[in-house]
Amino acid sequence: SLYAEKTIAGYGLEGYRMAILEAARKYKK
């Protein structure tokens, strides 16, 4: 967390989907 721009915790496996969607919004080329 000292490097990560965001931590998603406590959402079960759905947290992976949340991270993928957010990363895509932010870093789509």
Full PDB file with SEQRES, HELIX, SHEET, SSBOND, CRYST1, ORIGX, SCALE, CONECT and MASTER records, all heavy atoms in Angstrom:
SEQRES   1 A   29  SER LEU TYR ALA GLU LYS THR ILE ALA GLY TYR GLY LEU          
SEQRES   2 A   29  GLU GLY TYR ARG MET ALA ILE LEU GLU ALA ALA ARG LYS          
SEQRES   3 A   29  TYR LYS LYS                                                  
HELIX    1 AA1 GLU A   14  TYR A   27  1                                  14    
CRYST1    1.000    1.000    1.000  90.00  90.00  90.00 P 1           1          
ORIGX1      1.000000  0.000000  0.000000        0.00000                         
ORIGX2      0.000000  1.000000  0.000000        0.00000                         
ORIGX3      0.000000  0.000000  1.000000        0.00000                         
SCALE1      1.000000  0.000000  0.000000        0.00000                         
SCALE2      0.000000  1.000000  0.000000        0.00000                         
SCALE3      0.000000  0.000000  1.000000        0.00000                         
ATOM      1  N   SER A   1       0.818  -1.222   0.000  1.00  0.00           N  
ATOM      2  CA  SER A   1       0.000   0.000   0.000  1.00  0.00           C  
ATOM      3  C   SER A   1       0.847   1.265   0.000  1.00  0.00           C  
ATOM      4  O   SER A   1       0.360   2.341  -0.366  1.00  0.00           O  
ATOM      5  CB  SER A   1      -0.955   0.012   1.190  1.00  0.00           C  
ATOM      6  OG  SER A   1      -0.252   0.253   2.394  1.00  0.00           O  
ATOM      7  N   LEU A   2       2.119   1.147   0.375  1.00  0.00           N  
ATOM      8  CA  LEU A   2       2.999   2.311   0.341  1.00  0.00           C  
ATOM      9  C   LEU A   2       3.301   2.745  -1.095  1.00  0.00           C  
ATOM     10  O   LEU A   2       3.729   3.877  -1.324  1.00  0.00           O  
ATOM     11  CB  LEU A   2       4.307   2.013   1.080  1.00  0.00           C  
ATOM     12  CG  LEU A   2       4.153   1.675   2.570  1.00  0.00           C  
ATOM     13  CD1 LEU A   2       5.503   1.276   3.160  1.00  0.00           C  
ATOM     14  CD2 LEU A   2       3.543   2.844   3.321  1.00  0.00           C  
ATOM     15  N   TYR A   3       3.075   1.841  -2.056  1.00  0.00           N  
ATOM     16  CA  TYR A   3       3.283   2.171  -3.469  1.00  0.00           C  
ATOM     17  C   TYR A   3       1.979   2.169  -4.273  1.00  0.00           C  
ATOM     18  O   TYR A   3       1.794   3.001  -5.158  1.00  0.00           O  
ATOM     19  CB  TYR A   3       4.276   1.198  -4.119  1.00  0.00           C  
ATOM     20  CG  TYR A   3       4.433   1.475  -5.595  1.00  0.00           C  
ATOM     21  CD1 TYR A   3       5.186   2.557  -6.025  1.00  0.00           C  
ATOM     22  CD2 TYR A   3       3.791   0.695  -6.548  1.00  0.00           C  
ATOM     23  CE1 TYR A   3       5.302   2.851  -7.369  1.00  0.00           C  
ATOM     24  CE2 TYR A   3       3.904   0.980  -7.898  1.00  0.00           C  
ATOM     25  CZ  TYR A   3       4.657   2.056  -8.305  1.00  0.00           C  
ATOM     26  OH  TYR A   3       4.763   2.345  -9.637  1.00  0.00           O  
ATOM     27  N   ALA A   4       1.098   1.244  -3.980  1.00  0.00           N  
ATOM     28  CA  ALA A   4      -0.131   1.100  -4.780  1.00  0.00           C  
ATOM     29  C   ALA A   4      -0.939   2.387  -4.772  1.00  0.00           C  
ATOM     30  O   ALA A   4      -1.050   3.058  -3.745  1.00  0.00           O  
ATOM     31  CB  ALA A   4      -0.969  -0.050  -4.238  1.00  0.00           C  
ATOM     32  N   GLU A   5      -1.505   2.704  -5.916  1.00  0.00           N  
ATOM     33  CA  GLU A   5      -2.321   3.911  -5.949  1.00  0.00           C  
ATOM     34  C   GLU A   5      -3.684   3.691  -5.334  1.00  0.00           C  
ATOM     35  O   GLU A   5      -4.351   4.654  -4.938  1.00  0.00           O  
ATOM     36  CB  GLU A   5      -2.435   4.480  -7.354  1.00  0.00           C  
ATOM     37  CG  GLU A   5      -3.129   3.626  -8.365  1.00  0.00           C  
ATOM     38  CD  GLU A   5      -3.098   4.307  -9.716  1.00  0.00           C  
ATOM     39  OE1 GLU A   5      -2.036   4.319 -10.336  1.00  0.00           O  
ATOM     40  OE2 GLU A   5      -4.136   4.832 -10.129  1.00  0.00           O  
ATOM     41  N   LYS A   6      -4.103   2.435  -5.202  1.00  0.00           N  
ATOM     42  CA  LYS A   6      -5.373   2.152  -4.549  1.00  0.00           C  
ATOM     43  C   LYS A   6      -5.336   0.732  -4.005  1.00  0.00           C  
ATOM     44  O   LYS A   6      -4.799  -0.168  -4.633  1.00  0.00           O  
ATOM     45  CB  LYS A   6      -6.539   2.302  -5.522  1.00  0.00           C  
ATOM     46  CG  LYS A   6      -7.881   2.083  -4.864  1.00  0.00           C  
ATOM     47  CD  LYS A   6      -9.012   2.590  -5.693  1.00  0.00           C  
ATOM     48  CE  LYS A   6     -10.289   2.533  -4.860  1.00  0.00           C  
ATOM     49  NZ  LYS A   6     -11.389   3.141  -5.556  1.00  0.00           N  
ATOM     50  N   THR A   7      -5.959   0.558  -2.840  1.00  0.00           N  
ATOM     51  CA  THR A   7      -6.157  -0.763  -2.255  1.00  0.00           C  
ATOM     52  C   THR A   7      -7.646  -1.035  -2.203  1.00  0.00           C  
ATOM     53  O   THR A   7      -8.419  -0.206  -1.714  1.00  0.00           O  
ATOM     54  CB  THR A   7      -5.559  -0.834  -0.839  1.00  0.00           C  
ATOM     55  OG1 THR A   7      -4.151  -0.606  -0.919  1.00  0.00           O  
ATOM     56  CG2 THR A   7      -5.819  -2.193  -0.202  1.00  0.00           C  
ATOM     57  N   ILE A   8      -8.039  -2.190  -2.729  1.00  0.00           N  
ATOM     58  CA  ILE A   8      -9.433  -2.624  -2.706  1.00  0.00           C  
ATOM     59  C   ILE A   8      -9.474  -3.872  -1.827  1.00  0.00           C  
ATOM     60  O   ILE A   8      -8.874  -4.889  -2.172  1.00  0.00           O  
ATOM     61  CB  ILE A   8      -9.953  -2.915  -4.131  1.00  0.00           C  
ATOM     62  CG1 ILE A   8      -9.893  -1.636  -4.970  1.00  0.00           C  
ATOM     63  CG2 ILE A   8     -11.369  -3.496  -4.075  1.00  0.00           C  
ATOM     64  CD1 ILE A   8     -10.166  -1.835  -6.439  1.00  0.00           C  
ATOM     65  N   ALA A   9     -10.158  -3.780  -0.692  1.00  0.00           N  
ATOM     66  CA  ALA A   9     -10.159  -4.884   0.269  1.00  0.00           C  
ATOM     67  C   ALA A   9     -11.553  -5.115   0.824  1.00  0.00           C  
ATOM     68  O   ALA A   9     -12.305  -4.162   1.052  1.00  0.00           O  
ATOM     69  CB  ALA A   9      -9.190  -4.583   1.408  1.00  0.00           C  
ATOM     70  N   GLY A  10     -11.869  -6.388   1.022  1.00  0.00           N  
ATOM     71  CA  GLY A  10     -13.110  -6.737   1.689  1.00  0.00           C  
ATOM     72  C   GLY A  10     -14.298  -6.965   0.782  1.00  0.00           C  
ATOM     73  O   GLY A  10     -15.414  -7.144   1.262  1.00  0.00           O  
ATOM     74  N   TYR A  11     -14.083  -7.000  -0.517  1.00  0.00           N  
ATOM     75  CA  TYR A  11     -15.176  -7.200  -1.470  1.00  0.00           C  
ATOM     76  C   TYR A  11     -15.178  -8.607  -2.063  1.00  0.00           C  
ATOM     77  O   TYR A  11     -15.812  -8.856  -3.087  1.00  0.00           O  
ATOM     78  CB  TYR A  11     -15.106  -6.166  -2.599  1.00  0.00           C  
ATOM     79  CG  TYR A  11     -15.381  -4.775  -2.115  1.00  0.00           C  
ATOM     80  CD1 TYR A  11     -14.340  -3.926  -1.762  1.00  0.00           C  
ATOM     81  CD2 TYR A  11     -16.686  -4.303  -1.979  1.00  0.00           C  
ATOM     82  CE1 TYR A  11     -14.581  -2.637  -1.307  1.00  0.00           C  
ATOM     83  CE2 TYR A  11     -16.938  -3.015  -1.523  1.00  0.00           C  
ATOM     84  CZ  TYR A  11     -15.880  -2.196  -1.193  1.00  0.00           C  
ATOM     85  OH  TYR A  11     -16.129  -0.926  -0.733  1.00  0.00           O  
ATOM     86  N   GLY A  12     -14.442  -9.519  -1.454  1.00  0.00           N  
ATOM     87  CA  GLY A  12     -14.352 -10.873  -1.988  1.00  0.00           C  
ATOM     88  C   GLY A  12     -13.656 -10.859  -3.337  1.00  0.00           C  
ATOM     89  O   GLY A  12     -12.861  -9.956  -3.642  1.00  0.00           O  
ATOM     90  N   LEU A  13     -13.965 -11.833  -4.144  1.00  0.00           N  
ATOM     91  CA  LEU A  13     -13.335 -11.928  -5.468  1.00  0.00           C  
ATOM     92  C   LEU A  13     -13.748 -10.769  -6.367  1.00  0.00           C  
ATOM     93  O   LEU A  13     -13.022 -10.421  -7.301  1.00  0.00           O  
ATOM     94  CB  LEU A  13     -13.676 -13.266  -6.125  1.00  0.00           C  
ATOM     95  CG  LEU A  13     -13.239 -14.514  -5.350  1.00  0.00           C  
ATOM     96  CD1 LEU A  13     -13.557 -15.774  -6.151  1.00  0.00           C  
ATOM     97  CD2 LEU A  13     -11.781 -14.463  -4.969  1.00  0.00           C  
ATOM     98  N   GLU A  14     -14.871 -10.157  -6.087  1.00  0.00           N  
ATOM     99  CA  GLU A  14     -15.339  -8.997  -6.859  1.00  0.00           C  
ATOM    100  C   GLU A  14     -14.319  -7.861  -6.833  1.00  0.00           C  
ATOM    101  O   GLU A  14     -14.262  -7.031  -7.738  1.00  0.00           O  
ATOM    102  CB  GLU A  14     -16.694  -8.522  -6.321  1.00  0.00           C  
ATOM    103  CG  GLU A  14     -17.280  -7.341  -7.047  1.00  0.00           C  
ATOM    104  CD  GLU A  14     -17.645  -7.600  -8.513  1.00  0.00           C  
ATOM    105  OE1 GLU A  14     -17.747  -8.761  -8.926  1.00  0.00           O  
ATOM    106  OE2 GLU A  14     -17.812  -6.605  -9.243  1.00  0.00           O  
ATOM    107  N   GLY A  15     -13.475  -7.825  -5.809  1.00  0.00           N  
ATOM    108  CA  GLY A  15     -12.439  -6.801  -5.725  1.00  0.00           C  
ATOM    109  C   GLY A  15     -11.506  -6.818  -6.930  1.00  0.00           C  
ATOM    110  O   GLY A  15     -11.026  -5.762  -7.364  1.00  0.00           O  
ATOM    111  N   TYR A  16     -11.254  -7.990  -7.490  1.00  0.00           N  
ATOM    112  CA  TYR A  16     -10.417  -8.075  -8.692  1.00  0.00           C  
ATOM    113  C   TYR A  16     -11.101  -7.383  -9.865  1.00  0.00           C  
ATOM    114  O   TYR A  16     -10.481  -6.620 -10.597  1.00  0.00           O  
ATOM    115  CB  TYR A  16     -10.152  -9.538  -9.064  1.00  0.00           C  
ATOM    116  CG  TYR A  16      -9.212 -10.254  -8.138  1.00  0.00           C  
ATOM    117  CD1 TYR A  16      -9.669 -10.854  -6.979  1.00  0.00           C  
ATOM    118  CD2 TYR A  16      -7.859 -10.348  -8.431  1.00  0.00           C  
ATOM    119  CE1 TYR A  16      -8.815 -11.520  -6.125  1.00  0.00           C  
ATOM    120  CE2 TYR A  16      -6.994 -11.014  -7.600  1.00  0.00           C  
ATOM    121  CZ  TYR A  16      -7.469 -11.600  -6.440  1.00  0.00           C  
ATOM    122  OH  TYR A  16      -6.616 -12.255  -5.605  1.00  0.00           O  
ATOM    123  N   ARG A  17     -12.382  -7.647 -10.029  1.00  0.00           N  
ATOM    124  CA  ARG A  17     -13.141  -7.007 -11.106  1.00  0.00           C  
ATOM    125  C   ARG A  17     -13.151  -5.493 -10.922  1.00  0.00           C  
ATOM    126  O   ARG A  17     -12.952  -4.742 -11.873  1.00  0.00           O  
ATOM    127  CB  ARG A  17     -14.565  -7.554 -11.139  1.00  0.00           C  
ATOM    128  CG  ARG A  17     -15.387  -7.062 -12.295  1.00  0.00           C  
ATOM    129  CD  ARG A  17     -16.758  -7.776 -12.325  1.00  0.00           C  
ATOM    130  NE  ARG A  17     -17.510  -7.336 -13.450  1.00  0.00           N  
ATOM    131  CZ  ARG A  17     -18.143  -6.166 -13.535  1.00  0.00           C  
ATOM    132  NH1 ARG A  17     -18.099  -5.314 -12.530  1.00  0.00           N  
ATOM    133  NH2 ARG A  17     -18.800  -5.830 -14.623  1.00  0.00           N  
ATOM    134  N   MET A  18     -13.346  -5.053  -9.697  1.00  0.00           N  
ATOM    135  CA  MET A  18     -13.340  -3.623  -9.408  1.00  0.00           C  
ATOM    136  C   MET A  18     -11.999  -2.995  -9.782  1.00  0.00           C  
ATOM    137  O   MET A  18     -11.959  -1.920 -10.387  1.00  0.00           O  
ATOM    138  CB  MET A  18     -13.648  -3.398  -7.924  1.00  0.00           C  
ATOM    139  CG  MET A  18     -15.049  -3.815  -7.522  1.00  0.00           C  
ATOM    140  SD  MET A  18     -15.283  -3.935  -5.723  1.00  0.00           S  
ATOM    141  CE  MET A  18     -15.112  -2.227  -5.253  1.00  0.00           C  
ATOM    142  N   ALA A  19     -10.910  -3.671  -9.445  1.00  0.00           N  
ATOM    143  CA  ALA A  19      -9.574  -3.149  -9.770  1.00  0.00           C  
ATOM    144  C   ALA A  19      -9.360  -3.110 -11.275  1.00  0.00           C  
ATOM    145  O   ALA A  19      -8.815  -2.132 -11.804  1.00  0.00           O  
ATOM    146  CB  ALA A  19      -8.504  -4.002  -9.100  1.00  0.00           C  
ATOM    147  N   ILE A  20      -9.778  -4.138 -11.980  1.00  0.00           N  
ATOM    148  CA  ILE A  20      -9.620  -4.188 -13.444  1.00  0.00           C  
ATOM    149  C   ILE A  20     -10.411  -3.054 -14.101  1.00  0.00           C  
ATOM    150  O   ILE A  20      -9.891  -2.345 -14.969  1.00  0.00           O  
ATOM    151  CB  ILE A  20     -10.048  -5.561 -13.990  1.00  0.00           C  
ATOM    152  CG1 ILE A  20      -9.020  -6.629 -13.572  1.00  0.00           C  
ATOM    153  CG2 ILE A  20     -10.222  -5.532 -15.509  1.00  0.00           C  
ATOM    154  CD1 ILE A  20      -9.507  -8.058 -13.714  1.00  0.00           C  
ATOM    155  N   LEU A  21     -11.648  -2.863 -13.676  1.00  0.00           N  
ATOM    156  CA  LEU A  21     -12.473  -1.798 -14.269  1.00  0.00           C  
ATOM    157  C   LEU A  21     -11.890  -0.420 -13.988  1.00  0.00           C  
ATOM    158  O   LEU A  21     -11.836   0.436 -14.883  1.00  0.00           O  
ATOM    159  CB  LEU A  21     -13.914  -1.892 -13.756  1.00  0.00           C  
ATOM    160  CG  LEU A  21     -14.693  -3.152 -14.134  1.00  0.00           C  
ATOM    161  CD1 LEU A  21     -16.080  -3.136 -13.511  1.00  0.00           C  
ATOM    162  CD2 LEU A  21     -14.769  -3.334 -15.633  1.00  0.00           C  
ATOM    163  N   GLU A  22     -11.435  -0.201 -12.769  1.00  0.00           N  
ATOM    164  CA  GLU A  22     -10.865   1.102 -12.429  1.00  0.00           C  
ATOM    165  C   GLU A  22      -9.559   1.340 -13.172  1.00  0.00           C  
ATOM    166  O   GLU A  22      -9.299   2.436 -13.677  1.00  0.00           O  
ATOM    167  CB  GLU A  22     -10.659   1.240 -10.928  1.00  0.00           C  
ATOM    168  CG  GLU A  22     -10.220   2.630 -10.563  1.00  0.00           C  
ATOM    169  CD  GLU A  22     -10.471   2.986  -9.126  1.00  0.00           C  
ATOM    170  OE1 GLU A  22     -11.288   2.335  -8.459  1.00  0.00           O  
ATOM    171  OE2 GLU A  22      -9.832   3.950  -8.676  1.00  0.00           O  
ATOM    172  N   ALA A  23      -8.717   0.325 -13.233  1.00  0.00           N  
ATOM    173  CA  ALA A  23      -7.440   0.454 -13.963  1.00  0.00           C  
ATOM    174  C   ALA A  23      -7.709   0.728 -15.446  1.00  0.00           C  
ATOM    175  O   ALA A  23      -7.014   1.554 -16.055  1.00  0.00           O  
ATOM    176  CB  ALA A  23      -6.603  -0.802 -13.790  1.00  0.00           C  
ATOM    177  N   ALA A  24      -8.695   0.067 -16.005  1.00  0.00           N  
ATOM    178  CA  ALA A  24      -9.012   0.292 -17.422  1.00  0.00           C  
ATOM    179  C   ALA A  24      -9.481   1.718 -17.663  1.00  0.00           C  
ATOM    180  O   ALA A  24      -9.098   2.352 -18.643  1.00  0.00           O  
ATOM    181  CB  ALA A  24     -10.080  -0.698 -17.874  1.00  0.00           C  
ATOM    182  N   ARG A  25     -10.310   2.228 -16.775  1.00  0.00           N  
ATOM    183  CA  ARG A  25     -10.776   3.620 -16.922  1.00  0.00           C  
ATOM    184  C   ARG A  25      -9.604   4.578 -16.862  1.00  0.00           C  
ATOM    185  O   ARG A  25      -9.542   5.557 -17.597  1.00  0.00           O  
ATOM    186  CB  ARG A  25     -11.768   3.961 -15.815  1.00  0.00           C  
ATOM    187  CG  ARG A  25     -13.184   3.534 -16.084  1.00  0.00           C  
ATOM    188  CD  ARG A  25     -14.179   4.156 -15.119  1.00  0.00           C  
ATOM    189  NE  ARG A  25     -13.948   3.766 -13.734  1.00  0.00           N  
ATOM    190  CZ  ARG A  25     -14.442   2.676 -13.165  1.00  0.00           C  
ATOM    191  NH1 ARG A  25     -15.181   1.851 -13.856  1.00  0.00           N  
ATOM    192  NH2 ARG A  25     -14.175   2.413 -11.893  1.00  0.00           N  
ATOM    193  N   LYS A  26      -8.678   4.293 -15.990  1.00  0.00           N  
ATOM    194  CA  LYS A  26      -7.573   5.223 -15.751  1.00  0.00           C  
ATOM    195  C   LYS A  26      -6.449   5.105 -16.794  1.00  0.00           C  
ATOM    196  O   LYS A  26      -5.830   6.091 -17.139  1.00  0.00           O  
ATOM    197  CB  LYS A  26      -7.010   4.990 -14.365  1.00  0.00           C  
ATOM    198  CG  LYS A  26      -6.115   6.091 -13.893  1.00  0.00           C  
ATOM    199  CD  LYS A  26      -5.993   6.100 -12.403  1.00  0.00           C  
ATOM    200  CE  LYS A  26      -5.254   7.342 -12.007  1.00  0.00           C  
ATOM    201  NZ  LYS A  26      -5.083   7.468 -10.585  1.00  0.00           N  
ATOM    202  N   TYR A  27      -6.199   3.893 -17.279  1.00  0.00           N  
ATOM    203  CA  TYR A  27      -5.019   3.672 -18.119  1.00  0.00           C  
ATOM    204  C   TYR A  27      -5.318   3.189 -19.520  1.00  0.00           C  
ATOM    205  O   TYR A  27      -4.428   2.717 -20.213  1.00  0.00           O  
ATOM    206  CB  TYR A  27      -4.063   2.706 -17.407  1.00  0.00           C  
ATOM    207  CG  TYR A  27      -3.570   3.300 -16.122  1.00  0.00           C  
ATOM    208  CD1 TYR A  27      -4.041   2.855 -14.900  1.00  0.00           C  
ATOM    209  CD2 TYR A  27      -2.682   4.361 -16.141  1.00  0.00           C  
ATOM    210  CE1 TYR A  27      -3.635   3.440 -13.719  1.00  0.00           C  
ATOM    211  CE2 TYR A  27      -2.260   4.954 -14.963  1.00  0.00           C  
ATOM    212  CZ  TYR A  27      -2.740   4.483 -13.768  1.00  0.00           C  
ATOM    213  OH  TYR A  27      -2.344   5.087 -12.609  1.00  0.00           O  
ATOM    214  N   LYS A  28      -6.550   3.323 -19.970  1.00  0.00           N  
ATOM    215  CA  LYS A  28      -6.903   2.893 -21.327  1.00  0.00           C  
ATOM    216  C   LYS A  28      -6.111   3.705 -22.341  1.00  0.00           C  
ATOM    217  O   LYS A  28      -6.034   4.908 -22.264  1.00  0.00           O  
ATOM    218  CB  LYS A  28      -8.391   3.046 -21.569  1.00  0.00           C  
ATOM    219  CG  LYS A  28      -8.826   2.350 -22.834  1.00  0.00           C  
ATOM    220  CD  LYS A  28     -10.293   2.077 -22.837  1.00  0.00           C  
ATOM    221  CE  LYS A  28     -10.578   1.159 -24.000  1.00  0.00           C  
ATOM    222  NZ  LYS A  28     -11.746   0.385 -23.828  1.00  0.00           N  
ATOM    223  N   LYS A  29      -5.521   2.987 -23.272  1.00  0.00           N  
ATOM    224  CA  LYS A  29      -4.703   3.652 -24.315  1.00  0.00           C  
ATOM    225  C   LYS A  29      -5.440   3.680 -25.621  1.00  0.00           C  
ATOM    226  O   LYS A  29      -6.232   2.866 -25.939  1.00  0.00           O  
ATOM    227  CB  LYS A  29      -3.377   2.912 -24.492  1.00  0.00           C  
ATOM    228  CG  LYS A  29      -2.475   3.095 -23.316  1.00  0.00           C  
ATOM    229  CD  LYS A  29      -1.148   2.461 -23.596  1.00  0.00           C  
ATOM    230  CE  LYS A  29      -0.178   2.771 -22.495  1.00  0.00           C  
ATOM    231  NZ  LYS A  29       1.153   2.324 -22.747  1.00  0.00           N  
TER     232      LYS A  29                                                      
MASTER        0    0    0    1    0    0    0    6  231    1    0    3          
END                                                                             
